Amino acid sequence: MSKVQALVQGAAVPDMAKAGNPRQSLAAEVTERSGAALNRCYHCQSCGNGCPFVQAMDYAPNQVLRLVQFGMRQEVLTCKTIWVCVGCHTCSSQCPMSIDIAAIMDTLRLMAVEEGVAIGKPNIIDFHEEVLRSLEKYGRAHKLGIMLGYKRQTGRWLKDLDVGLKMLARRKLDLIPSRVRDVKEITDLFKCYWREPA
């Protein structure tokens, strides 16, 4: 029995809008916010078969959709999968029903932050913000800068050091970042993102 089957058997009633309760179902909310028709999923698992990060996920992408369909808000918003997903759109491009699964993952991450639930993957927001800082500064992702910034944020300098050294040896990490021509255009996109200091 899979994790999702066990969770579904333990759930009494899906999170559907009940009489007298104006709150819409989780599936309807995610569909509305993401613009993706998640109820078209027939769980063929094409999304998980192509995902380069599925091994690090606690639920395959189609299982996340199933949790949403069953209204299991807490389980889906606290799972690792929504944070491990890098939004590469491999799942979306392989979906025979053309469901934008990456948009659903984005929506679920946003909902998790809005609702203040425990993040399923510790320090992941620090990593995402380092990627955004790199994009803002150079218009491109500078991997070495992202890694160093993330290590500075978390204080975990020696973790994955061996991987970093191998990447340097194979010239997978540029020492000097490359920039787009008009960085100011990119920088302007980030003005609404960064929180104003209190």
N, C-alpha and C. Protein backbone atom coordinates (compact mmCIF):
# COMPACT_ATOMS: atom_id res chain seq x y z
N MET A 1 0.85 -1.19 0.00
CA MET A 1 0.00 0.00 0.00
C MET A 1 0.89 1.25 0.00
N SER A 2 0.62 2.18 -0.92
CA SER A 2 1.43 3.39 -1.02
C SER A 2 1.06 4.37 0.10
N LYS A 3 1.90 5.39 0.26
CA LYS A 3 1.65 6.43 1.27
C LYS A 3 0.31 7.12 1.03
N VAL A 4 0.05 7.41 -0.24
CA VAL A 4 -1.18 8.12 -0.58
C VAL A 4 -2.39 7.26 -0.26
N GLN A 5 -2.34 5.96 -0.61
CA GLN A 5 -3.46 5.07 -0.30
C GLN A 5 -3.71 5.01 1.20
N ALA A 6 -2.63 4.91 1.98
CA ALA A 6 -2.77 4.86 3.43
C ALA A 6 -3.40 6.14 3.97
N LEU A 7 -2.97 7.29 3.44
CA LEU A 7 -3.53 8.57 3.88
C LEU A 7 -5.00 8.68 3.51
N VAL A 8 -5.33 8.25 2.29
CA VAL A 8 -6.71 8.35 1.83
C VAL A 8 -7.63 7.45 2.65
N GLN A 9 -7.16 6.25 2.99
CA GLN A 9 -7.98 5.35 3.80
C GLN A 9 -8.24 5.93 5.18
N GLY A 10 -7.26 6.69 5.71
CA GLY A 10 -7.41 7.30 7.02
C GLY A 10 -8.25 8.56 7.01
N ALA A 11 -8.50 9.10 5.82
CA ALA A 11 -9.29 10.34 5.71
C ALA A 11 -10.77 10.00 5.65
N ALA A 12 -11.52 10.62 6.50
CA ALA A 12 -12.95 10.33 6.58
C ALA A 12 -13.70 10.88 5.38
N VAL A 13 -13.52 12.17 5.11
CA VAL A 13 -14.28 12.82 4.05
C VAL A 13 -13.35 13.76 3.30
N PRO A 14 -13.39 13.77 1.97
CA PRO A 14 -12.60 14.75 1.24
C PRO A 14 -13.01 16.17 1.62
N ASP A 15 -12.09 17.11 1.44
CA ASP A 15 -12.31 18.51 1.81
C ASP A 15 -13.19 19.18 0.76
N MET A 16 -14.46 18.91 0.78
CA MET A 16 -15.38 19.52 -0.18
C MET A 16 -16.17 20.62 0.51
N ALA A 17 -16.58 21.58 -0.28
CA ALA A 17 -17.39 22.65 0.29
C ALA A 17 -18.70 22.03 0.81
N LYS A 18 -18.96 22.23 2.07
CA LYS A 18 -20.17 21.65 2.69
C LYS A 18 -21.23 22.74 2.80
N ALA A 19 -22.48 22.31 2.95
CA ALA A 19 -23.58 23.27 3.11
C ALA A 19 -23.30 24.14 4.32
N GLY A 20 -23.42 25.42 4.17
CA GLY A 20 -23.19 26.34 5.28
C GLY A 20 -21.72 26.70 5.45
N ASN A 21 -20.81 26.07 4.68
CA ASN A 21 -19.39 26.36 4.77
C ASN A 21 -18.95 26.95 3.43
N PRO A 22 -18.70 28.26 3.40
CA PRO A 22 -18.39 28.91 2.13
C PRO A 22 -17.01 28.56 1.58
N ARG A 23 -16.16 27.91 2.35
CA ARG A 23 -14.81 27.61 1.89
C ARG A 23 -14.86 26.58 0.75
N GLN A 24 -14.23 26.92 -0.37
CA GLN A 24 -14.24 26.00 -1.50
C GLN A 24 -13.29 24.83 -1.25
N SER A 25 -13.44 23.78 -2.03
CA SER A 25 -12.59 22.61 -1.86
C SER A 25 -11.15 22.97 -2.22
N LEU A 26 -10.21 22.20 -1.70
CA LEU A 26 -8.80 22.43 -1.99
C LEU A 26 -8.54 22.32 -3.48
N ALA A 27 -9.11 21.32 -4.13
CA ALA A 27 -8.90 21.14 -5.57
C ALA A 27 -9.40 22.36 -6.35
N ALA A 28 -10.55 22.88 -6.00
CA ALA A 28 -11.09 24.05 -6.69
C ALA A 28 -10.21 25.27 -6.45
N GLU A 29 -9.72 25.43 -5.22
CA GLU A 29 -8.86 26.56 -4.89
C GLU A 29 -7.54 26.51 -5.67
N VAL A 30 -6.92 25.33 -5.70
CA VAL A 30 -5.65 25.18 -6.42
C VAL A 30 -5.86 25.37 -7.92
N THR A 31 -6.96 24.82 -8.44
CA THR A 31 -7.26 24.98 -9.87
C THR A 31 -7.44 26.46 -10.22
N GLU A 32 -8.18 27.17 -9.39
CA GLU A 32 -8.43 28.59 -9.64
C GLU A 32 -7.15 29.40 -9.57
N ARG A 33 -6.34 29.14 -8.55
CA ARG A 33 -5.13 29.94 -8.36
C ARG A 33 -4.03 29.61 -9.36
N SER A 34 -3.92 28.34 -9.77
CA SER A 34 -2.84 27.94 -10.68
C SER A 34 -3.23 28.05 -12.14
N GLY A 35 -4.54 28.00 -12.42
CA GLY A 35 -4.99 28.00 -13.80
C GLY A 35 -4.80 26.65 -14.47
N ALA A 36 -4.46 25.62 -13.70
CA ALA A 36 -4.21 24.29 -14.24
C ALA A 36 -5.37 23.36 -13.88
N ALA A 37 -5.85 22.63 -14.85
CA ALA A 37 -7.00 21.73 -14.64
C ALA A 37 -6.52 20.40 -14.06
N LEU A 38 -6.25 20.39 -12.76
CA LEU A 38 -5.65 19.21 -12.14
C LEU A 38 -6.58 18.00 -12.12
N ASN A 39 -7.89 18.21 -12.22
CA ASN A 39 -8.82 17.08 -12.21
C ASN A 39 -8.83 16.28 -13.50
N ARG A 40 -8.08 16.75 -14.51
CA ARG A 40 -7.94 15.96 -15.74
C ARG A 40 -6.94 14.82 -15.56
N CYS A 41 -6.19 14.83 -14.46
CA CYS A 41 -5.15 13.81 -14.23
C CYS A 41 -5.78 12.43 -14.05
N TYR A 42 -5.31 11.47 -14.83
CA TYR A 42 -5.77 10.09 -14.66
C TYR A 42 -4.66 9.20 -14.12
N HIS A 43 -3.62 9.82 -13.56
CA HIS A 43 -2.55 9.16 -12.80
C HIS A 43 -1.80 8.11 -13.61
N CYS A 44 -1.40 8.51 -14.81
CA CYS A 44 -0.60 7.62 -15.66
C CYS A 44 0.85 7.57 -15.21
N GLN A 45 1.27 8.54 -14.40
CA GLN A 45 2.60 8.64 -13.82
C GLN A 45 3.68 9.08 -14.80
N SER A 46 3.29 9.62 -15.94
CA SER A 46 4.27 10.14 -16.89
C SER A 46 5.09 11.27 -16.27
N CYS A 47 4.44 12.07 -15.44
CA CYS A 47 5.12 13.21 -14.81
C CYS A 47 6.28 12.75 -13.93
N GLY A 48 6.05 11.72 -13.12
CA GLY A 48 7.10 11.22 -12.24
C GLY A 48 8.18 10.48 -12.99
N ASN A 49 7.82 9.83 -14.10
CA ASN A 49 8.81 9.08 -14.87
C ASN A 49 9.85 9.99 -15.51
N GLY A 50 9.47 11.23 -15.81
CA GLY A 50 10.41 12.13 -16.44
C GLY A 50 11.09 13.09 -15.48
N CYS A 51 10.58 13.20 -14.25
CA CYS A 51 11.11 14.19 -13.30
C CYS A 51 12.54 13.86 -12.88
N PRO A 52 13.49 14.81 -13.06
CA PRO A 52 14.87 14.53 -12.67
C PRO A 52 15.10 14.51 -11.15
N PHE A 53 14.11 14.96 -10.36
CA PHE A 53 14.29 15.04 -8.91
C PHE A 53 13.34 14.14 -8.14
N VAL A 54 12.66 13.23 -8.83
CA VAL A 54 11.64 12.40 -8.19
C VAL A 54 12.22 11.54 -7.05
N GLN A 55 13.48 11.18 -7.14
CA GLN A 55 14.10 10.36 -6.09
C GLN A 55 14.16 11.09 -4.75
N ALA A 56 14.23 12.41 -4.78
CA ALA A 56 14.32 13.20 -3.55
C ALA A 56 12.95 13.58 -3.01
N MET A 57 11.88 13.22 -3.72
CA MET A 57 10.53 13.61 -3.32
C MET A 57 9.90 12.55 -2.42
N ASP A 58 9.04 12.99 -1.51
CA ASP A 58 8.31 12.02 -0.69
C ASP A 58 7.06 11.52 -1.40
N TYR A 59 6.50 12.30 -2.33
CA TYR A 59 5.39 11.89 -3.17
C TYR A 59 5.73 12.21 -4.61
N ALA A 60 5.36 11.32 -5.53
CA ALA A 60 5.51 11.63 -6.96
C ALA A 60 4.55 12.76 -7.31
N PRO A 61 4.81 13.50 -8.40
CA PRO A 61 3.92 14.61 -8.74
C PRO A 61 2.44 14.23 -8.86
N ASN A 62 2.14 13.07 -9.46
CA ASN A 62 0.73 12.68 -9.58
C ASN A 62 0.12 12.37 -8.22
N GLN A 63 0.94 11.91 -7.27
CA GLN A 63 0.43 11.65 -5.92
C GLN A 63 0.09 12.96 -5.21
N VAL A 64 0.86 14.01 -5.49
CA VAL A 64 0.55 15.32 -4.93
C VAL A 64 -0.81 15.78 -5.47
N LEU A 65 -1.04 15.58 -6.75
CA LEU A 65 -2.33 15.94 -7.33
C LEU A 65 -3.45 15.15 -6.67
N ARG A 66 -3.19 13.89 -6.37
CA ARG A 66 -4.21 13.05 -5.71
C ARG A 66 -4.51 13.58 -4.31
N LEU A 67 -3.48 13.99 -3.57
CA LEU A 67 -3.69 14.56 -2.24
C LEU A 67 -4.56 15.83 -2.34
N VAL A 68 -4.30 16.63 -3.36
CA VAL A 68 -5.11 17.84 -3.57
C VAL A 68 -6.55 17.45 -3.89
N GLN A 69 -6.73 16.47 -4.76
CA GLN A 69 -8.07 16.03 -5.13
C GLN A 69 -8.86 15.52 -3.93
N PHE A 70 -8.16 14.89 -2.99
CA PHE A 70 -8.84 14.39 -1.80
C PHE A 70 -8.92 15.43 -0.69
N GLY A 71 -8.44 16.64 -0.96
CA GLY A 71 -8.58 17.72 0.01
C GLY A 71 -7.69 17.58 1.22
N MET A 72 -6.57 16.92 1.08
CA MET A 72 -5.68 16.67 2.21
C MET A 72 -4.67 17.82 2.33
N ARG A 73 -5.21 18.96 2.73
CA ARG A 73 -4.47 20.23 2.78
C ARG A 73 -3.18 20.14 3.58
N GLN A 74 -3.26 19.66 4.79
CA GLN A 74 -2.08 19.61 5.66
C GLN A 74 -0.99 18.73 5.06
N GLU A 75 -1.38 17.57 4.56
CA GLU A 75 -0.39 16.63 4.01
C GLU A 75 0.29 17.21 2.77
N VAL A 76 -0.48 17.85 1.91
CA VAL A 76 0.11 18.36 0.67
C VAL A 76 0.95 19.61 0.92
N LEU A 77 0.52 20.47 1.84
CA LEU A 77 1.28 21.70 2.09
C LEU A 77 2.53 21.48 2.93
N THR A 78 2.62 20.34 3.61
CA THR A 78 3.83 20.06 4.42
C THR A 78 4.74 19.04 3.76
N CYS A 79 4.41 18.56 2.57
CA CYS A 79 5.25 17.54 1.94
C CYS A 79 6.52 18.16 1.35
N LYS A 80 7.53 17.33 1.16
CA LYS A 80 8.81 17.79 0.59
C LYS A 80 8.70 18.07 -0.90
N THR A 81 7.86 17.32 -1.57
CA THR A 81 7.80 17.37 -3.03
C THR A 81 7.62 18.78 -3.57
N ILE A 82 6.73 19.55 -2.98
CA ILE A 82 6.46 20.89 -3.53
C ILE A 82 7.69 21.79 -3.44
N TRP A 83 8.60 21.48 -2.51
CA TRP A 83 9.82 22.28 -2.35
C TRP A 83 10.99 21.71 -3.13
N VAL A 84 11.00 20.40 -3.37
CA VAL A 84 12.07 19.79 -4.16
C VAL A 84 11.88 20.13 -5.64
N CYS A 85 10.64 20.28 -6.08
CA CYS A 85 10.33 20.64 -7.46
C CYS A 85 11.04 21.95 -7.83
N VAL A 86 11.77 21.93 -8.95
CA VAL A 86 12.51 23.12 -9.36
C VAL A 86 11.80 23.88 -10.48
N GLY A 87 10.60 23.43 -10.85
CA GLY A 87 9.84 24.13 -11.89
C GLY A 87 10.46 24.02 -13.26
N CYS A 88 11.09 22.88 -13.57
CA CYS A 88 11.74 22.70 -14.88
C CYS A 88 10.73 22.40 -15.99
N HIS A 89 9.48 22.10 -15.61
CA HIS A 89 8.37 21.83 -16.54
C HIS A 89 8.51 20.53 -17.31
N THR A 90 9.43 19.64 -16.87
CA THR A 90 9.52 18.33 -17.52
C THR A 90 8.21 17.57 -17.35
N CYS A 91 7.66 17.63 -16.14
CA CYS A 91 6.39 16.94 -15.86
C CYS A 91 5.27 17.49 -16.73
N SER A 92 5.20 18.80 -16.83
CA SER A 92 4.14 19.44 -17.62
C SER A 92 4.26 19.08 -19.09
N SER A 93 5.49 19.03 -19.61
CA SER A 93 5.68 18.74 -21.03
C SER A 93 5.39 17.28 -21.36
N GLN A 94 5.51 16.39 -20.36
CA GLN A 94 5.25 14.98 -20.60
C GLN A 94 3.82 14.56 -20.30
N CYS A 95 3.05 15.44 -19.70
CA CYS A 95 1.69 15.10 -19.31
C CYS A 95 0.81 14.94 -20.55
N PRO A 96 0.19 13.77 -20.76
CA PRO A 96 -0.67 13.58 -21.94
C PRO A 96 -1.95 14.42 -21.88
N MET A 97 -2.29 14.93 -20.69
CA MET A 97 -3.49 15.75 -20.55
C MET A 97 -3.15 17.25 -20.51
N SER A 98 -1.87 17.58 -20.75
CA SER A 98 -1.40 18.97 -20.79
C SER A 98 -1.71 19.74 -19.50
N ILE A 99 -1.55 19.07 -18.36
CA ILE A 99 -1.75 19.74 -17.07
C ILE A 99 -0.46 20.46 -16.70
N ASP A 100 -0.55 21.71 -16.33
CA ASP A 100 0.64 22.49 -15.94
C ASP A 100 0.96 22.17 -14.47
N ILE A 101 1.64 21.04 -14.28
CA ILE A 101 1.95 20.56 -12.93
C ILE A 101 2.91 21.51 -12.21
N ALA A 102 3.83 22.10 -12.96
CA ALA A 102 4.77 23.05 -12.35
C ALA A 102 4.02 24.25 -11.76
N ALA A 103 2.98 24.71 -12.43
CA ALA A 103 2.18 25.83 -11.90
C ALA A 103 1.45 25.41 -10.63
N ILE A 104 1.01 24.16 -10.58
CA ILE A 104 0.35 23.65 -9.37
C ILE A 104 1.34 23.62 -8.21
N MET A 105 2.57 23.18 -8.46
CA MET A 105 3.61 23.15 -7.41
C MET A 105 3.90 24.56 -6.92
N ASP A 106 3.99 25.52 -7.84
CA ASP A 106 4.21 26.93 -7.45
C ASP A 106 3.08 27.41 -6.55
N THR A 107 1.85 27.09 -6.94
CA THR A 107 0.68 27.51 -6.16
C THR A 107 0.72 26.90 -4.76
N LEU A 108 1.06 25.63 -4.68
CA LEU A 108 1.10 24.95 -3.38
C LEU A 108 2.19 25.54 -2.48
N ARG A 109 3.34 25.88 -3.07
CA ARG A 109 4.40 26.53 -2.27
C ARG A 109 3.92 27.86 -1.73
N LEU A 110 3.28 28.64 -2.58
CA LEU A 110 2.76 29.94 -2.16
C LEU A 110 1.72 29.78 -1.05
N MET A 111 0.83 28.80 -1.19
CA MET A 111 -0.18 28.56 -0.17
C MET A 111 0.47 28.14 1.15
N ALA A 112 1.52 27.32 1.07
CA ALA A 112 2.21 26.86 2.28
C ALA A 112 2.81 28.05 3.02
N VAL A 113 3.43 28.97 2.29
CA VAL A 113 4.02 30.16 2.92
C VAL A 113 2.92 31.05 3.49
N GLU A 114 1.85 31.27 2.73
CA GLU A 114 0.74 32.12 3.20
C GLU A 114 0.11 31.57 4.47
N GLU A 115 -0.02 30.25 4.55
CA GLU A 115 -0.69 29.63 5.70
C GLU A 115 0.27 29.35 6.85
N GLY A 116 1.55 29.64 6.65
CA GLY A 116 2.53 29.49 7.73
C GLY A 116 2.73 28.06 8.19
N VAL A 117 2.56 27.09 7.27
CA VAL A 117 2.77 25.69 7.67
C VAL A 117 4.27 25.40 7.72
N ALA A 118 4.63 24.35 8.44
CA ALA A 118 6.04 23.96 8.53
C ALA A 118 6.52 23.54 7.14
N ILE A 119 7.62 24.12 6.70
CA ILE A 119 8.17 23.81 5.38
C ILE A 119 8.71 22.38 5.39
N GLY A 120 8.33 21.61 4.38
CA GLY A 120 8.71 20.20 4.32
C GLY A 120 10.19 19.96 4.13
N LYS A 121 10.92 20.94 3.63
CA LYS A 121 12.36 20.79 3.38
C LYS A 121 13.06 21.95 4.06
N PRO A 122 13.75 21.70 5.18
CA PRO A 122 14.41 22.79 5.92
C PRO A 122 15.40 23.58 5.05
N ASN A 123 15.48 24.86 5.27
CA ASN A 123 16.39 25.79 4.60
C ASN A 123 16.12 25.98 3.11
N ILE A 124 15.06 25.41 2.58
CA ILE A 124 14.82 25.50 1.14
C ILE A 124 14.49 26.93 0.71
N ILE A 125 13.83 27.68 1.57
CA ILE A 125 13.50 29.07 1.20
C ILE A 125 14.79 29.89 1.09
N ASP A 126 15.77 29.62 1.98
CA ASP A 126 17.07 30.29 1.87
C ASP A 126 17.69 30.02 0.51
N PHE A 127 17.59 28.77 0.05
CA PHE A 127 18.15 28.41 -1.26
C PHE A 127 17.42 29.14 -2.38
N HIS A 128 16.09 29.13 -2.35
CA HIS A 128 15.31 29.81 -3.39
C HIS A 128 15.64 31.30 -3.43
N GLU A 129 15.82 31.91 -2.27
CA GLU A 129 16.13 33.34 -2.25
C GLU A 129 17.52 33.62 -2.79
N GLU A 130 18.47 32.71 -2.57
CA GLU A 130 19.81 32.88 -3.15
C GLU A 130 19.76 32.81 -4.67
N VAL A 131 18.95 31.91 -5.20
CA VAL A 131 18.78 31.83 -6.65
C VAL A 131 18.20 33.14 -7.17
N LEU A 132 17.19 33.67 -6.49
CA LEU A 132 16.58 34.94 -6.91
C LEU A 132 17.58 36.10 -6.83
N ARG A 133 18.41 36.10 -5.80
CA ARG A 133 19.43 37.17 -5.68
C ARG A 133 20.39 37.13 -6.86
N SER A 134 20.78 35.91 -7.25
CA SER A 134 21.68 35.76 -8.39
C SER A 134 21.02 36.25 -9.68
N LEU A 135 19.77 35.87 -9.88
CA LEU A 135 19.05 36.32 -11.07
C LEU A 135 18.89 37.84 -11.08
N GLU A 136 18.64 38.42 -9.92
CA GLU A 136 18.48 39.86 -9.83
C GLU A 136 19.80 40.58 -10.14
N LYS A 137 20.88 40.04 -9.64
CA LYS A 137 22.18 40.70 -9.77
C LYS A 137 22.79 40.56 -11.16
N TYR A 138 22.68 39.34 -11.74
CA TYR A 138 23.34 39.07 -13.01
C TYR A 138 22.39 38.82 -14.18
N GLY A 139 21.12 38.58 -13.88
CA GLY A 139 20.19 38.21 -14.94
C GLY A 139 20.30 36.74 -15.30
N ARG A 140 21.21 36.05 -14.65
CA ARG A 140 21.44 34.61 -14.85
C ARG A 140 21.75 33.99 -13.50
N ALA A 141 21.63 32.67 -13.45
CA ALA A 141 21.98 31.97 -12.21
C ALA A 141 23.48 31.67 -12.19
N HIS A 142 24.18 32.27 -11.24
CA HIS A 142 25.61 31.98 -11.05
C HIS A 142 25.73 30.92 -9.95
N LYS A 143 25.96 29.68 -10.37
CA LYS A 143 25.87 28.54 -9.46
C LYS A 143 26.82 28.65 -8.27
N LEU A 144 28.06 29.06 -8.51
CA LEU A 144 29.02 29.17 -7.41
C LEU A 144 28.57 30.23 -6.41
N GLY A 145 28.09 31.35 -6.91
CA GLY A 145 27.59 32.41 -6.03
C GLY A 145 26.38 31.96 -5.23
N ILE A 146 25.51 31.19 -5.88
CA ILE A 146 24.32 30.66 -5.18
C ILE A 146 24.75 29.73 -4.07
N MET A 147 25.69 28.82 -4.39
CA MET A 147 26.16 27.87 -3.37
C MET A 147 26.80 28.59 -2.18
N LEU A 148 27.66 29.56 -2.46
CA LEU A 148 28.33 30.27 -1.38
C LEU A 148 27.34 31.09 -0.55
N GLY A 149 26.40 31.74 -1.22
CA GLY A 149 25.38 32.51 -0.49
C GLY A 149 24.52 31.62 0.38
N TYR A 150 24.17 30.45 -0.14
CA TYR A 150 23.36 29.50 0.62
C TYR A 150 24.14 28.98 1.83
N LYS A 151 25.41 28.69 1.64
CA LYS A 151 26.24 28.22 2.76
C LYS A 151 26.36 29.31 3.83
N ARG A 152 26.47 30.56 3.37
CA ARG A 152 26.55 31.68 4.31
C ARG A 152 25.27 31.80 5.13
N GLN A 153 24.11 31.63 4.45
CA GLN A 153 22.81 31.74 5.12
C GLN A 153 22.61 30.64 6.16
N THR A 154 23.00 29.41 5.79
CA THR A 154 22.72 28.25 6.65
C THR A 154 23.84 27.92 7.62
N GLY A 155 25.05 28.38 7.32
CA GLY A 155 26.20 28.07 8.17
C GLY A 155 26.70 26.63 8.01
N ARG A 156 26.25 25.95 6.97
CA ARG A 156 26.65 24.55 6.74
C ARG A 156 27.73 24.52 5.66
N TRP A 157 28.91 25.02 6.00
CA TRP A 157 29.98 25.20 5.02
C TRP A 157 30.54 23.89 4.48
N LEU A 158 30.63 22.86 5.30
CA LEU A 158 31.29 21.63 4.86
C LEU A 158 30.35 20.60 4.23
N LYS A 159 29.05 20.80 4.39
CA LYS A 159 28.10 19.85 3.80
C LYS A 159 28.18 19.96 2.28
N ASP A 160 28.29 18.86 1.61
CA ASP A 160 28.37 18.78 0.14
C ASP A 160 29.64 19.40 -0.43
N LEU A 161 30.66 19.58 0.39
CA LEU A 161 31.91 20.16 -0.10
C LEU A 161 32.51 19.29 -1.20
N ASP A 162 32.43 17.97 -1.03
CA ASP A 162 32.99 17.06 -2.03
C ASP A 162 32.31 17.23 -3.39
N VAL A 163 31.02 17.44 -3.39
CA VAL A 163 30.28 17.64 -4.65
C VAL A 163 30.72 18.95 -5.30
N GLY A 164 30.84 20.01 -4.49
CA GLY A 164 31.28 21.30 -5.01
C GLY A 164 32.66 21.24 -5.63
N LEU A 165 33.57 20.52 -4.99
CA LEU A 165 34.93 20.40 -5.53
C LEU A 165 34.94 19.61 -6.84
N LYS A 166 34.11 18.57 -6.92
CA LYS A 166 34.01 17.80 -8.17
C LYS A 166 33.45 18.67 -9.29
N MET A 167 32.47 19.49 -8.96
CA MET A 167 31.89 20.37 -9.98
C MET A 167 32.91 21.40 -10.46
N LEU A 168 33.72 21.93 -9.53
CA LEU A 168 34.78 22.86 -9.91
C LEU A 168 35.80 22.18 -10.81
N ALA A 169 36.20 20.97 -10.43
CA ALA A 169 37.20 20.23 -11.21
C ALA A 169 36.71 19.94 -12.63
N ARG A 170 35.42 19.72 -12.78
CA ARG A 170 34.85 19.43 -14.11
C ARG A 170 34.37 20.67 -14.83
N ARG A 171 34.72 21.83 -14.30
CA ARG A 171 34.37 23.12 -14.89
C ARG A 171 32.86 23.31 -15.04
N LYS A 172 32.11 22.82 -14.06
CA LYS A 172 30.66 22.99 -14.05
C LYS A 172 30.25 24.25 -13.29
N LEU A 173 31.21 24.86 -12.59
CA LEU A 173 30.94 26.10 -11.84
C LEU A 173 31.83 27.21 -12.39
N ASP A 174 31.20 28.25 -12.90
CA ASP A 174 31.97 29.40 -13.38
C ASP A 174 32.44 30.23 -12.19
N LEU A 175 33.73 30.55 -12.17
CA LEU A 175 34.24 31.38 -11.09
C LEU A 175 33.74 32.81 -11.22
N ILE A 176 33.67 33.30 -12.45
CA ILE A 176 33.21 34.67 -12.70
C ILE A 176 31.82 34.59 -13.32
N PRO A 177 30.85 35.29 -12.74
CA PRO A 177 29.49 35.23 -13.28
C PRO A 177 29.36 35.96 -14.61
N SER A 178 28.52 35.44 -15.49
CA SER A 178 28.21 36.17 -16.73
C SER A 178 26.93 36.97 -16.49
N ARG A 179 26.81 38.09 -17.20
CA ARG A 179 25.66 38.98 -17.00
C ARG A 179 24.90 39.15 -18.31
N VAL A 180 23.62 39.45 -18.18
CA VAL A 180 22.85 39.84 -19.36
C VAL A 180 23.18 41.29 -19.66
N ARG A 181 22.85 41.74 -20.86
CA ARG A 181 23.21 43.11 -21.24
C ARG A 181 22.53 44.16 -20.38
N ASP A 182 21.22 44.05 -20.23
CA ASP A 182 20.48 45.08 -19.50
C ASP A 182 20.00 44.52 -18.16
N VAL A 183 20.89 44.51 -17.18
CA VAL A 183 20.59 43.96 -15.86
C VAL A 183 19.51 44.78 -15.17
N LYS A 184 19.45 46.10 -15.46
CA LYS A 184 18.45 46.95 -14.82
C LYS A 184 17.03 46.48 -15.10
N GLU A 185 16.79 46.00 -16.32
CA GLU A 185 15.46 45.48 -16.65
C GLU A 185 15.10 44.31 -15.75
N ILE A 186 16.06 43.45 -15.50
CA ILE A 186 15.83 42.28 -14.63
C ILE A 186 15.63 42.75 -13.19
N THR A 187 16.48 43.66 -12.74
CA THR A 187 16.42 44.16 -11.38
C THR A 187 15.06 44.76 -11.07
N ASP A 188 14.48 45.47 -12.03
CA ASP A 188 13.16 46.09 -11.83
C ASP A 188 12.08 45.05 -11.56
N LEU A 189 12.25 43.85 -12.09
CA LEU A 189 11.27 42.79 -11.87
C LEU A 189 11.21 42.35 -10.40
N PHE A 190 12.29 42.57 -9.67
CA PHE A 190 12.38 42.08 -8.30
C PHE A 190 11.93 43.09 -7.25
N LYS A 191 11.61 44.31 -7.65
CA LYS A 191 11.24 45.33 -6.68
C LYS A 191 10.05 44.92 -5.83
N CYS A 192 9.09 44.23 -6.43
CA CYS A 192 7.91 43.83 -5.66
C CYS A 192 8.15 42.59 -4.82
N TYR A 193 9.23 41.87 -5.06
CA TYR A 193 9.45 40.62 -4.34
C TYR A 193 10.03 40.82 -2.94
N TRP A 194 11.15 41.53 -2.87
CA TRP A 194 11.87 41.63 -1.60
C TRP A 194 11.05 42.41 -0.58
N ARG A 195 11.01 41.86 0.59
CA ARG A 195 10.25 42.49 1.67
C ARG A 195 10.97 43.75 2.15
N GLU A 196 10.23 44.77 2.41
CA GLU A 196 10.80 46.01 2.94
C GLU A 196 11.27 45.76 4.37
N PRO A 197 12.45 46.30 4.76
CA PRO A 197 12.89 46.12 6.15
C PRO A 197 11.93 46.79 7.12
N ALA A 198 11.69 46.13 8.25
CA ALA A 198 10.72 46.65 9.25
C ALA A 198 11.30 47.83 9.99
